[in-house]
PDB file of N, CA and C in Angstrom:
ATOM      1  N   MET A   1     -46.670 -97.628 -45.564  1.00  0.00           N
ATOM      2  CA  MET A   1     -47.413 -96.082 -45.769  1.00  0.00           C
ATOM      3  C   MET A   1     -47.781 -95.967 -44.513  1.00  0.00           C
ATOM      4  N   ILE A   2     -48.881 -97.149 -43.831  1.00  0.00           N
ATOM      5  CA  ILE A   2     -50.019 -96.834 -43.362  1.00  0.00           C
ATOM      6  C   ILE A   2     -48.797 -97.240 -41.652  1.00  0.00           C
ATOM      7  N   LEU A   3     -48.268 -98.118 -41.748  1.00  0.00           N
ATOM      8  CA  LEU A   3     -47.064 -98.258 -41.161  1.00  0.00           C
ATOM      9  C   LEU A   3     -46.573 -97.047 -40.113  1.00  0.00           C
ATOM     10  N   ARG A   4     -46.173 -96.537 -41.126  1.00  0.00           N
ATOM     11  CA  ARG A   4     -45.252 -95.006 -41.110  1.00  0.00           C
ATOM     12  C   ARG A   4     -46.131 -93.923 -40.490  1.00  0.00           C
ATOM     13  N   ARG A   5     -47.595 -93.917 -41.165  1.00  0.00           N
ATOM     14  CA  ARG A   5     -48.215 -92.827 -40.256  1.00  0.00           C
ATOM     15  C   ARG A   5     -48.758 -93.129 -38.927  1.00  0.00           C
ATOM     16  N   LEU A   6     -48.835 -94.518 -38.765  1.00  0.00           N
ATOM     17  CA  LEU A   6     -49.184 -94.603 -36.965  1.00  0.00           C
ATOM     18  C   LEU A   6     -47.801 -94.563 -36.546  1.00  0.00           C
ATOM     19  N   PHE A   7     -46.683 -94.624 -36.522  1.00  0.00           N
ATOM     20  CA  PHE A   7     -45.505 -93.974 -36.054  1.00  0.00           C
ATOM     21  C   PHE A   7     -45.652 -92.669 -36.057  1.00  0.00           C
ATOM     22  N   LEU A   8     -45.830 -92.283 -36.865  1.00  0.00           N
ATOM     23  CA  LEU A   8     -45.764 -90.450 -36.476  1.00  0.00           C
ATOM     24  C   LEU A   8     -47.008 -89.903 -35.750  1.00  0.00           C
ATOM     25  N   ALA A   9     -47.840 -90.577 -35.876  1.00  0.00           N
ATOM     26  CA  ALA A   9     -49.287 -90.412 -34.965  1.00  0.00           C
ATOM     27  C   ALA A   9     -48.927 -90.385 -33.172  1.00  0.00           C
ATOM     28  N   SER A  10     -48.430 -91.783 -33.527  1.00  0.00           N
ATOM     29  CA  SER A  10     -48.048 -92.248 -31.686  1.00  0.00           C
ATOM     30  C   SER A  10     -46.672 -91.157 -31.566  1.00  0.00           C
ATOM     31  N   ALA A  11     -45.628 -90.955 -32.308  1.00  0.00           N
ATOM     32  CA  ALA A  11     -44.796 -90.274 -31.877  1.00  0.00           C
ATOM     33  C   ALA A  11     -45.450 -88.756 -31.421  1.00  0.00           C
ATOM     34  N   LEU A  12     -45.879 -88.357 -31.701  1.00  0.00           N
ATOM     35  CA  LEU A  12     -46.589 -86.746 -31.720  1.00  0.00           C
ATOM     36  C   LEU A  12     -47.015 -87.456 -30.592  1.00  0.00           C
ATOM     37  N   LEU A  13     -48.135 -88.240 -30.652  1.00  0.00           N
ATOM     38  CA  LEU A  13     -48.527 -88.457 -29.234  1.00  0.00           C
ATOM     39  C   LEU A  13     -47.943 -88.245 -27.307  1.00  0.00           C
ATOM     40  N   LEU A  14     -46.841 -88.904 -28.238  1.00  0.00           N
ATOM     41  CA  LEU A  14     -45.900 -89.145 -26.788  1.00  0.00           C
ATOM     42  C   LEU A  14     -45.041 -87.619 -26.868  1.00  0.00           C
ATOM     43  N   ALA A  15     -44.915 -87.080 -27.807  1.00  0.00           N
ATOM     44  CA  ALA A  15     -44.260 -85.704 -27.418  1.00  0.00           C
ATOM     45  C   ALA A  15     -45.305 -84.829 -26.919  1.00  0.00           C
ATOM     46  N   ALA A  16     -46.338 -85.257 -26.753  1.00  0.00           N
ATOM     47  CA  ALA A  16     -47.197 -83.806 -26.102  1.00  0.00           C
ATOM     48  C   ALA A  16     -47.473 -84.256 -24.815  1.00  0.00           C
ATOM     49  N   LEU A  17     -47.344 -85.777 -24.426  1.00  0.00           N
ATOM     50  CA  LEU A  17     -47.628 -85.826 -23.208  1.00  0.00           C
ATOM     51  C   LEU A  17     -46.512 -85.156 -21.480  1.00  0.00           C
ATOM     52  N   PRO A  18     -45.290 -85.328 -22.236  1.00  0.00           N
ATOM     53  CA  PRO A  18     -44.601 -84.206 -21.154  1.00  0.00           C
ATOM     54  C   PRO A  18     -44.879 -82.788 -20.390  1.00  0.00           C
ATOM     55  N   GLY A  19     -45.302 -82.334 -21.939  1.00  0.00           N
ATOM     56  CA  GLY A  19     -45.659 -81.179 -21.838  1.00  0.00           C
ATOM     57  C   GLY A  19     -47.045 -80.528 -20.875  1.00  0.00           C
ATOM     58  N   ALA A  20     -48.108 -81.728 -21.349  1.00  0.00           N
ATOM     59  CA  ALA A  20     -49.223 -81.863 -20.634  1.00  0.00           C
ATOM     60  C   ALA A  20     -48.873 -82.064 -18.717  1.00  0.00           C
ATOM     61  N   ARG A  21     -47.681 -83.116 -18.289  1.00  0.00           N
ATOM     62  CA  ARG A  21     -47.222 -82.781 -17.247  1.00  0.00           C
ATOM     63  C   ARG A  21     -46.801 -81.648 -16.671  1.00  0.00           C
ATOM     64  N   ALA A  22     -46.126 -80.937 -17.256  1.00  0.00           N
ATOM     65  CA  ALA A  22     -45.277 -79.792 -16.747  1.00  0.00           C
ATOM     66  C   ALA A  22     -46.987 -78.768 -16.304  1.00  0.00           C
ATOM     67  N   GLU A  23     -47.478 -78.668 -17.246  1.00  0.00           N
ATOM     68  CA  GLU A  23     -48.350 -77.694 -17.037  1.00  0.00           C
ATOM     69  C   GLU A  23     -49.497 -78.104 -15.691  1.00  0.00           C
ATOM     70  N   VAL A  24     -49.303 -78.701 -15.544  1.00  0.00           N
ATOM     71  CA  VAL A  24     -49.969 -79.363 -14.094  1.00  0.00           C
ATOM     72  C   VAL A  24     -49.163 -78.906 -12.857  1.00  0.00           C
ATOM     73  N   LEU A  25     -47.508 -79.144 -13.330  1.00  0.00           N
ATOM     74  CA  LEU A  25     -46.573 -78.810 -11.883  1.00  0.00           C
ATOM     75  C   LEU A  25     -46.875 -77.430 -12.090  1.00  0.00           C
ATOM     76  N   ILE A  26     -46.693 -76.291 -13.228  1.00  0.00           N
ATOM     77  CA  ILE A  26     -46.829 -74.955 -12.882  1.00  0.00           C
ATOM     78  C   ILE A  26     -47.627 -74.695 -12.162  1.00  0.00           C
ATOM     79  N   ILE A  27     -49.157 -75.083 -12.355  1.00  0.00           N
ATOM     80  CA  ILE A  27     -50.345 -74.576 -11.917  1.00  0.00           C
ATOM     81  C   ILE A  27     -50.542 -75.287 -10.209  1.00  0.00           C
ATOM     82  N   ASP A  28     -49.764 -76.353 -10.169  1.00  0.00           N
ATOM     83  CA  ASP A  28     -49.585 -76.528  -8.466  1.00  0.00           C
ATOM     84  C   ASP A  28     -48.456 -75.832  -7.748  1.00  0.00           C
ATOM     85  N   ALA A  29     -47.390 -75.484  -8.622  1.00  0.00           N
ATOM     86  CA  ALA A  29     -46.540 -74.508  -7.958  1.00  0.00           C
ATOM     87  C   ALA A  29     -47.219 -72.963  -7.321  1.00  0.00           C
ATOM     88  N   LEU A  30     -47.846 -72.897  -8.712  1.00  0.00           N
ATOM     89  CA  LEU A  30     -48.764 -71.013  -8.701  1.00  0.00           C
ATOM     90  C   LEU A  30     -49.739 -71.350  -7.370  1.00  0.00           C
ATOM     91  N   LYS A  31     -50.334 -72.357  -7.097  1.00  0.00           N
ATOM     92  CA  LYS A  31     -51.114 -72.405  -5.974  1.00  0.00           C
ATOM     93  C   LYS A  31     -50.496 -72.523  -4.604  1.00  0.00           C
ATOM     94  N   SER A  32     -49.581 -73.157  -4.368  1.00  0.00           N
ATOM     95  CA  SER A  32     -48.758 -73.325  -3.677  1.00  0.00           C
ATOM     96  C   SER A  32     -47.891 -72.015  -3.178  1.00  0.00           C
ATOM     97  N   GLU A  33     -47.570 -71.151  -3.551  1.00  0.00           N
ATOM     98  CA  GLU A  33     -47.097 -70.329  -3.930  1.00  0.00           C
ATOM     99  C   GLU A  33     -46.976 -69.025  -2.495  1.00  0.00           C
ATOM    100  N   PRO A  34     -46.674 -68.824  -1.681  1.00  0.00           N
ATOM    101  CA  PRO A  34     -46.674 -67.839  -0.336  1.00  0.00           C
ATOM    102  C   PRO A  34     -47.409 -66.643  -0.686  1.00  0.00           C
ATOM    103  N   PRO A  35     -48.961 -66.074  -0.328  1.00  0.00           N
ATOM    104  CA  PRO A  35     -49.517 -64.738  -0.473  1.00  0.00           C
ATOM    105  C   PRO A  35     -48.648 -63.835  -0.641  1.00  0.00           C
ATOM    106  N   ASN A  36     -48.776 -62.781  -1.705  1.00  0.00           N
ATOM    107  CA  ASN A  36     -48.270 -61.488  -1.500  1.00  0.00           C
ATOM    108  C   ASN A  36     -48.567 -60.472  -0.501  1.00  0.00           C
ATOM    109  N   SER A  37     -47.934 -61.024   0.869  1.00  0.00           N
ATOM    110  CA  SER A  37     -48.724 -59.814   2.218  1.00  0.00           C
ATOM    111  C   SER A  37     -47.508 -59.826   3.282  1.00  0.00           C
ATOM    112  N   PRO A  38     -47.779 -59.131   3.855  1.00  0.00           N
ATOM    113  CA  PRO A  38     -46.679 -59.319   5.733  1.00  0.00           C
ATOM    114  C   PRO A  38     -47.030 -61.080   6.139  1.00  0.00           C
ATOM    115  N   ALA A  39     -47.792 -61.383   6.077  1.00  0.00           N
ATOM    116  CA  ALA A  39     -47.874 -62.910   6.180  1.00  0.00           C
ATOM    117  C   ALA A  39     -47.713 -63.500   5.487  1.00  0.00           C
ATOM    118  N   GLY A  40     -47.341 -63.834   4.229  1.00  0.00           N
ATOM    119  CA  GLY A  40     -47.266 -64.576   3.438  1.00  0.00           C
ATOM    120  C   GLY A  40     -44.992 -64.256   3.062  1.00  0.00           C
ATOM    121  N   LEU A  41     -44.830 -63.856   1.622  1.00  0.00           N
ATOM    122  CA  LEU A  41     -43.795 -63.328   1.280  1.00  0.00           C
ATOM    123  C   LEU A  41     -43.933 -62.480   0.280  1.00  0.00           C
ATOM    124  N   GLU A  42     -44.175 -60.817   0.861  1.00  0.00           N
ATOM    125  CA  GLU A  42     -44.079 -59.360   0.774  1.00  0.00           C
ATOM    126  C   GLU A  42     -43.195 -59.612  -0.620  1.00  0.00           C
ATOM    127  N   ARG A  43     -43.557 -58.843  -1.632  1.00  0.00           N
ATOM    128  CA  ARG A  43     -42.804 -58.400  -2.618  1.00  0.00           C
ATOM    129  C   ARG A  43     -43.705 -57.484  -3.346  1.00  0.00           C
ATOM    130  N   PRO A  44     -42.885 -56.838  -4.473  1.00  0.00           N
ATOM    131  CA  PRO A  44     -42.862 -55.435  -5.193  1.00  0.00           C
ATOM    132  C   PRO A  44     -44.322 -56.045  -6.204  1.00  0.00           C
ATOM    133  N   ARG A  45     -45.286 -54.972  -5.778  1.00  0.00           N
ATOM    134  CA  ARG A  45     -46.322 -55.314  -6.915  1.00  0.00           C
ATOM    135  C   ARG A  45     -46.299 -54.842  -8.124  1.00  0.00           C
ATOM    136  N   SER A  46     -47.358 -54.739  -9.381  1.00  0.00           N
ATOM    137  CA  SER A  46     -47.094 -54.176 -10.454  1.00  0.00           C
ATOM    138  C   SER A  46     -47.456 -52.832 -10.612  1.00  0.00           C
ATOM    139  N   GLY A  47     -47.011 -52.076 -11.020  1.00  0.00           N
ATOM    140  CA  GLY A  47     -46.926 -50.658 -10.830  1.00  0.00           C
ATOM    141  C   GLY A  47     -46.205 -50.039  -9.971  1.00  0.00           C
ATOM    142  N   GLN A  48     -45.330 -50.513  -8.941  1.00  0.00           N
ATOM    143  CA  GLN A  48     -44.484 -49.677  -8.765  1.00  0.00           C
ATOM    144  C   GLN A  48     -43.022 -48.978  -8.926  1.00  0.00           C
ATOM    145  N   THR A  49     -43.097 -47.669  -8.719  1.00  0.00           N
ATOM    146  CA  THR A  49     -41.602 -47.348  -9.402  1.00  0.00           C
ATOM    147  C   THR A  49     -40.593 -48.087  -8.438  1.00  0.00           C
ATOM    148  N   MET A  50     -39.320 -47.866  -9.524  1.00  0.00           N
ATOM    149  CA  MET A  50     -38.022 -48.987  -8.699  1.00  0.00           C
ATOM    150  C   MET A  50     -37.599 -47.846  -7.533  1.00  0.00           C
ATOM    151  N   GLU A  51     -37.721 -46.537  -7.446  1.00  0.00           N
ATOM    152  CA  GLU A  51     -37.916 -45.863  -6.041  1.00  0.00           C
ATOM    153  C   GLU A  51     -38.554 -46.413  -4.850  1.00  0.00           C
ATOM    154  N   ALA A  52     -39.921 -46.803  -4.967  1.00  0.00           N
ATOM    155  CA  ALA A  52     -40.659 -47.490  -4.018  1.00  0.00           C
ATOM    156  C   ALA A  52     -40.034 -48.596  -3.759  1.00  0.00           C
ATOM    157  N   VAL A  53     -39.602 -49.211  -4.923  1.00  0.00           N
ATOM    158  CA  VAL A  53     -39.019 -50.849  -4.740  1.00  0.00           C
ATOM    159  C   VAL A  53     -37.770 -50.653  -3.484  1.00  0.00           C
ATOM    160  N   ARG A  54     -37.110 -49.567  -4.270  1.00  0.00           N
ATOM    161  CA  ARG A  54     -35.719 -49.718  -3.081  1.00  0.00           C
ATOM    162  C   ARG A  54     -36.203 -49.001  -2.368  1.00  0.00           C
ATOM    163  N   ALA A  55     -37.053 -48.109  -1.907  1.00  0.00           N
ATOM    164  CA  ALA A  55     -37.441 -47.926  -0.820  1.00  0.00           C
ATOM    165  C   ALA A  55     -37.866 -49.176   0.239  1.00  0.00           C
ATOM    166  N   ARG A  56     -38.253 -49.924   0.045  1.00  0.00           N
ATOM    167  CA  ARG A  56     -39.601 -50.612   0.893  1.00  0.00           C
ATOM    168  C   ARG A  56     -38.364 -51.803   1.188  1.00  0.00           C
ATOM    169  N   PHE A  57     -37.699 -52.377  -0.168  1.00  0.00           N
ATOM    170  CA  PHE A  57     -37.030 -53.839  -0.266  1.00  0.00           C
ATOM    171  C   PHE A  57     -35.308 -53.488  -0.079  1.00  0.00           C
ATOM    172  N   GLY A  58     -34.911 -52.431   0.003  1.00  0.00           N
ATOM    173  CA  GLY A  58     -33.163 -52.018   0.028  1.00  0.00           C
ATOM    174  C   GLY A  58     -32.968 -52.078  -1.384  1.00  0.00           C
ATOM    175  N   GLU A  59     -30.899 -52.437  -1.316  1.00  0.00           N
ATOM    176  CA  GLU A  59     -30.626 -52.356  -2.573  1.00  0.00           C
ATOM    177  C   GLU A  59     -30.902 -53.901  -3.139  1.00  0.00           C
ATOM    178  N   PRO A  60     -30.703 -54.077  -4.430  1.00  0.00           N
ATOM    179  CA  PRO A  60     -31.018 -55.309  -4.734  1.00  0.00           C
ATOM    180  C   PRO A  60     -29.526 -55.800  -4.828  1.00  0.00           C
ATOM    181  N   GLN A  61     -29.509 -57.742  -5.030  1.00  0.00           N
ATOM    182  CA  GLN A  61     -28.521 -58.376  -5.004  1.00  0.00           C
ATOM    183  C   GLN A  61     -27.466 -58.019  -6.332  1.00  0.00           C
ATOM    184  N   GLN A  62     -28.236 -58.070  -7.150  1.00  0.00           N
ATOM    185  CA  GLN A  62     -27.836 -57.672  -8.813  1.00  0.00           C
ATOM    186  C   GLN A  62     -28.971 -57.086  -9.440  1.00  0.00           C
ATOM    187  N   ILE A  63     -28.333 -56.125 -10.369  1.00  0.00           N
ATOM    188  CA  ILE A  63     -29.306 -55.544 -11.125  1.00  0.00           C
ATOM    189  C   ILE A  63     -28.932 -55.938 -13.180  1.00  0.00           C
ATOM    190  N   LEU A  64     -29.977 -56.794 -13.717  1.00  0.00           N
ATOM    191  CA  LEU A  64     -29.514 -57.028 -15.091  1.00  0.00           C
ATOM    192  C   LEU A  64     -30.287 -55.902 -15.716  1.00  0.00           C
ATOM    193  N   GLY A  65     -30.024 -55.855 -17.207  1.00  0.00           N
ATOM    194  CA  GLY A  65     -30.529 -54.428 -17.963  1.00  0.00           C
ATOM    195  C   GLY A  65     -30.176 -53.315 -18.157  1.00  0.00           C
ATOM    196  N   PRO A  66     -30.995 -52.604 -18.602  1.00  0.00           N
ATOM    197  CA  PRO A  66     -32.232 -52.914 -19.607  1.00  0.00           C
ATOM    198  C   PRO A  66     -31.781 -53.611 -20.680  1.00  0.00           C
ATOM    199  N   VAL A  67     -32.840 -54.545 -21.110  1.00  0.00           N
ATOM    200  CA  VAL A  67     -32.647 -55.618 -22.310  1.00  0.00           C
ATOM    201  C   VAL A  67     -33.788 -54.777 -23.362  1.00  0.00           C
ATOM    202  N   GLY A  68     -33.762 -54.840 -24.229  1.00  0.00           N
ATOM    203  CA  GLY A  68     -35.024 -55.173 -25.208  1.00  0.00           C
ATOM    204  C   GLY A  68     -35.699 -53.740 -25.916  1.00  0.00           C
ATOM    205  N   GLU A  69     -36.730 -53.815 -26.533  1.00  0.00           N
ATOM    206  CA  GLU A  69     -37.872 -52.630 -26.535  1.00  0.00           C
ATOM    207  C   GLU A  69     -38.895 -52.974 -26.167  1.00  0.00           C
ATOM    208  N   PRO A  70     -39.775 -52.819 -25.331  1.00  0.00           N
ATOM    209  CA  PRO A  70     -39.605 -51.422 -24.275  1.00  0.00           C
ATOM    210  C   PRO A  70     -38.320 -51.896 -23.513  1.00  0.00           C
ATOM    211  N   PRO A  71     -37.803 -51.533 -22.657  1.00  0.00           N
ATOM    212  CA  PRO A  71     -36.604 -51.873 -22.311  1.00  0.00           C
ATOM    213  C   PRO A  71     -36.851 -52.708 -20.981  1.00  0.00           C
ATOM    214  N   ILE A  72     -36.615 -54.361 -20.388  1.00  0.00           N
ATOM    215  CA  ILE A  72     -37.107 -54.541 -19.225  1.00  0.00           C
ATOM    216  C   ILE A  72     -35.551 -54.732 -18.618  1.00  0.00           C
ATOM    217  N   THR A  73     -35.857 -54.642 -16.955  1.00  0.00           N
ATOM    218  CA  THR A  73     -34.620 -54.230 -15.886  1.00  0.00           C
ATOM    219  C   THR A  73     -34.693 -55.224 -14.993  1.00  0.00           C
ATOM    220  N   ARG A  74     -33.753 -56.539 -14.933  1.00  0.00           N
ATOM    221  CA  ARG A  74     -34.012 -56.682 -13.620  1.00  0.00           C
ATOM    222  C   ARG A  74     -33.475 -56.573 -12.272  1.00  0.00           C
ATOM    223  N   TRP A  75     -34.081 -56.878 -11.190  1.00  0.00           N
ATOM    224  CA  TRP A  75     -33.343 -56.624  -9.768  1.00  0.00           C
ATOM    225  C   TRP A  75     -33.805 -57.922  -9.421  1.00  0.00           C
ATOM    226  N   VAL A  76     -32.326 -58.618  -9.151  1.00  0.00           N
ATOM    227  CA  VAL A  76     -32.499 -59.441  -7.690  1.00  0.00           C
ATOM    228  C   VAL A  76     -32.538 -59.966  -6.618  1.00  0.00           C
ATOM    229  N   TYR A  77     -33.133 -60.001  -5.880  1.00  0.00           N
ATOM    230  CA  TYR A  77     -33.439 -60.170  -4.316  1.00  0.00           C
ATOM    231  C   TYR A  77     -33.014 -61.381  -3.726  1.00  0.00           C
ATOM    232  N   GLN A  78     -32.996 -61.416  -2.737  1.00  0.00           N
ATOM    233  CA  GLN A  78     -32.587 -62.997  -2.145  1.00  0.00           C
ATOM    234  C   GLN A  78     -33.915 -63.723  -2.380  1.00  0.00           C
ATOM    235  N   ASP A  79     -35.057 -63.609  -2.316  1.00  0.00           N
ATOM    236  CA  ASP A  79     -35.824 -64.360  -2.814  1.00  0.00           C
ATOM    237  C   ASP A  79     -37.182 -64.351  -3.361  1.00  0.00           C
ATOM    238  N   PHE A  80     -36.528 -63.218  -4.413  1.00  0.00           N
ATOM    239  CA  PHE A  80     -37.533 -62.807  -5.706  1.00  0.00           C
ATOM    240  C   PHE A  80     -36.252 -62.202  -6.882  1.00  0.00           C
ATOM    241  N   THR A  81     -37.491 -62.010  -7.581  1.00  0.00           N
ATOM    242  CA  THR A  81     -36.915 -61.413  -9.193  1.00  0.00           C
ATOM    243  C   THR A  81     -37.663 -60.417  -9.054  1.00  0.00           C
ATOM    244  N   VAL A  82     -37.704 -58.948  -9.493  1.00  0.00           N
ATOM    245  CA  VAL A  82     -38.377 -57.876 -10.038  1.00  0.00           C
ATOM    246  C   VAL A  82     -38.480 -57.546 -11.498  1.00  0.00           C
ATOM    247  N   TYR A  83     -39.419 -57.385 -12.278  1.00  0.00           N
ATOM    248  CA  TYR A  83     -39.237 -57.226 -13.608  1.00  0.00           C
ATOM    249  C   TYR A  83     -39.515 -56.045 -14.247  1.00  0.00           C
ATOM    250  N   PHE A  84     -39.079 -54.773 -14.549  1.00  0.00           N
ATOM    251  CA  PHE A  84     -39.402 -53.447 -14.620  1.00  0.00           C
ATOM    252  C   PHE A  84     -39.301 -53.024 -16.099  1.00  0.00           C
ATOM    253  N   GLU A  85     -40.683 -52.705 -16.588  1.00  0.00           N
ATOM    254  CA  GLU A  85     -40.352 -52.122 -18.041  1.00  0.00           C
ATOM    255  C   GLU A  85     -40.465 -50.372 -17.889  1.00  0.00           C
ATOM    256  N   GLY A  86     -39.134 -50.047 -18.104  1.00  0.00           N
ATOM    257  CA  GLY A  86     -38.774 -48.796 -18.071  1.00  0.00           C
ATOM    258  C   GLY A  86     -38.598 -48.565 -16.260  1.00  0.00           C
ATOM    259  N   SER A  87     -39.262 -47.518 -15.514  1.00  0.00           N
ATOM    260  CA  SER A  87     -39.499 -48.026 -14.167  1.00  0.00           C
ATOM    261  C   SER A  87     -40.035 -48.286 -13.326  1.00  0.00           C
ATOM    262  N   ARG A  88     -41.108 -49.189 -13.635  1.00  0.00           N
ATOM    263  CA  ARG A  88     -42.172 -49.677 -13.054  1.00  0.00           C
ATOM    264  C   ARG A  88     -42.384 -51.245 -12.998  1.00  0.00           C
ATOM    265  N   VAL A  89     -42.403 -51.739 -11.913  1.00  0.00           N
ATOM    266  CA  VAL A  89     -42.561 -53.385 -11.594  1.00  0.00           C
ATOM    267  C   VAL A  89     -43.857 -53.885 -13.183  1.00  0.00           C
ATOM    268  N   ILE A  90     -43.348 -55.011 -13.311  1.00  0.00           N
ATOM    269  CA  ILE A  90     -44.348 -55.394 -14.173  1.00  0.00           C
ATOM    270  C   ILE A  90     -44.899 -56.712 -13.580  1.00  0.00           C
ATOM    271  N   HIS A  91     -43.705 -57.426 -13.040  1.00  0.00           N
ATOM    272  CA  HIS A  91     -43.768 -58.442 -12.395  1.00  0.00           C
ATOM    273  C   HIS A  91     -43.103 -59.171 -11.190  1.00  0.00           C
ATOM    274  N   SER A  92     -43.208 -60.041 -10.250  1.00  0.00           N
ATOM    275  CA  SER A  92     -42.178 -60.279  -9.232  1.00  0.00           C
ATOM    276  C   SER A  92     -42.389 -61.770  -8.838  1.00  0.00           C
ATOM    277  N   VAL A  93     -41.260 -62.205  -9.069  1.00  0.00           N
ATOM    278  CA  VAL A  93     -41.407 -64.177  -9.514  1.00  0.00           C
ATOM    279  C   VAL A  93     -40.616 -64.778  -8.425  1.00  0.00           C
ATOM    280  N   LEU A  94     -41.067 -65.257  -7.040  1.00  0.00           N
ATOM    281  CA  LEU A  94     -39.937 -66.020  -6.341  1.00  0.00           C
ATOM    282  C   LEU A  94     -39.244 -66.350  -6.689  1.00  0.00           C
ATOM    283  N   HIS A  95     -38.035 -67.180  -6.263  1.00  0.00           N
ATOM    284  CA  HIS A  95     -37.221 -67.992  -6.409  1.00  0.00           C
ATOM    285  C   HIS A  95     -37.412 -69.102  -5.992  1.00  0.00           C
ATOM    286  N   ARG A  96     -37.596 -70.600  -6.978  1.00  0.00           N
ATOM    287  CA  ARG A  96     -37.952 -71.667  -6.248  1.00  0.00           C
ATOM    288  C   ARG A  96     -36.580 -72.470  -6.080  1.00  0.00           C
ATOM    289  N   PRO A  97     -36.188 -73.436  -5.282  1.00  0.00           N
ATOM    290  CA  PRO A  97     -35.433 -74.120  -4.472  1.00  0.00           C
ATOM    291  C   PRO A  97     -35.202 -75.333  -5.829  1.00  0.00           C
ATOM    292  N   HIS A  98     -33.169 -75.509  -5.786  1.00  0.00           N
ATOM    293  CA  HIS A  98     -32.868 -76.046  -7.351  1.00  0.00           C
ATOM    294  C   HIS A  98     -33.014 -77.387  -6.485  1.00  0.00           C
ATOM    295  N   ALA A  99     -33.409 -78.489  -7.337  1.00  0.00           N
ATOM    296  CA  ALA A  99     -33.731 -79.894  -7.165  1.00  0.00           C
ATOM    297  C   ALA A  99     -32.735 -80.293  -6.595  1.00  0.00           C
ATOM    298  N   PRO A 100     -32.338 -81.610  -5.785  1.00  0.00           N
ATOM    299  CA  PRO A 100     -31.335 -81.789  -5.544  1.00  0.00           C
ATOM    300  C   PRO A 100     -30.619 -82.688  -6.969  1.00  0.00           C
TER     301      PRO A 100
END
């Protein structure tokens, strides 16, 4: 019984370790993300309309959605993806290079 509890505790501890490492990597990636400015990599900001994004960045390479409630639509550009709720930007995410 004691051996079984020790094994279970060890397994739970080991299972938690990869998650802690992933959080550090995500934080490091966000810190290294280029600024959202003409000097960095300009991309749409929260609250902009679809019309404003299209006028500033052109036609997306791909349009996905709408999906869910509220409807979420994704516009995929070369360097980033824009997420819309209805017709307003809620977030833009940079594309990361794929690992070799």
